[in-house]
Amino acid sequence: MFKQSKIQVESLRAMDSRVMQKQGIFINGNGSYNWWDAESKEIRSSIGYSYQDQLMTLTYQCNGESYHYAIHIDQTACNYGGTRSWFICPSPQCKKRVAKLYLSKSGCFTCRHCNNANYAIQQMSN
């Protein structure tokens, strides 16, 4: 049984810094980040980005509104070499270092805490 007090992160559109790093997005340049339909393999939605000097600028439209803002990227050293990239939540009240950002009702990407969201498993009652 579920207690529906929070939004489930599984229902939100997400950007994952680990996936983006593997795709080479955190190298100076620009392009688009896409979400694919699992069945049809077609692009469901996409956002434009530019990346330079640990700053990723997003450009997209959501619910008829245009968005253009920057997200800071932090990098930490890995134990066996290389680095790991993290988002710094762009919410002025937060600034947490997180692996994922979620599209909020306001139309901006923020962390799950700012979205008042948790995982479906956390909503299961005993």
Foldseek 3Di string as FASTA:
>chain_A
DFDPPFAALVVFDKDFQQVCVVVVQQDFAKDKDFDADPPVRHTPDIWIWGHDDQKIWIWDDDPNDTDTDIWGWDWDADPVGDIGIWTQFPDPVGRDTHRMWTQAPVRDTGDCVVNRHYHRVVRDDD
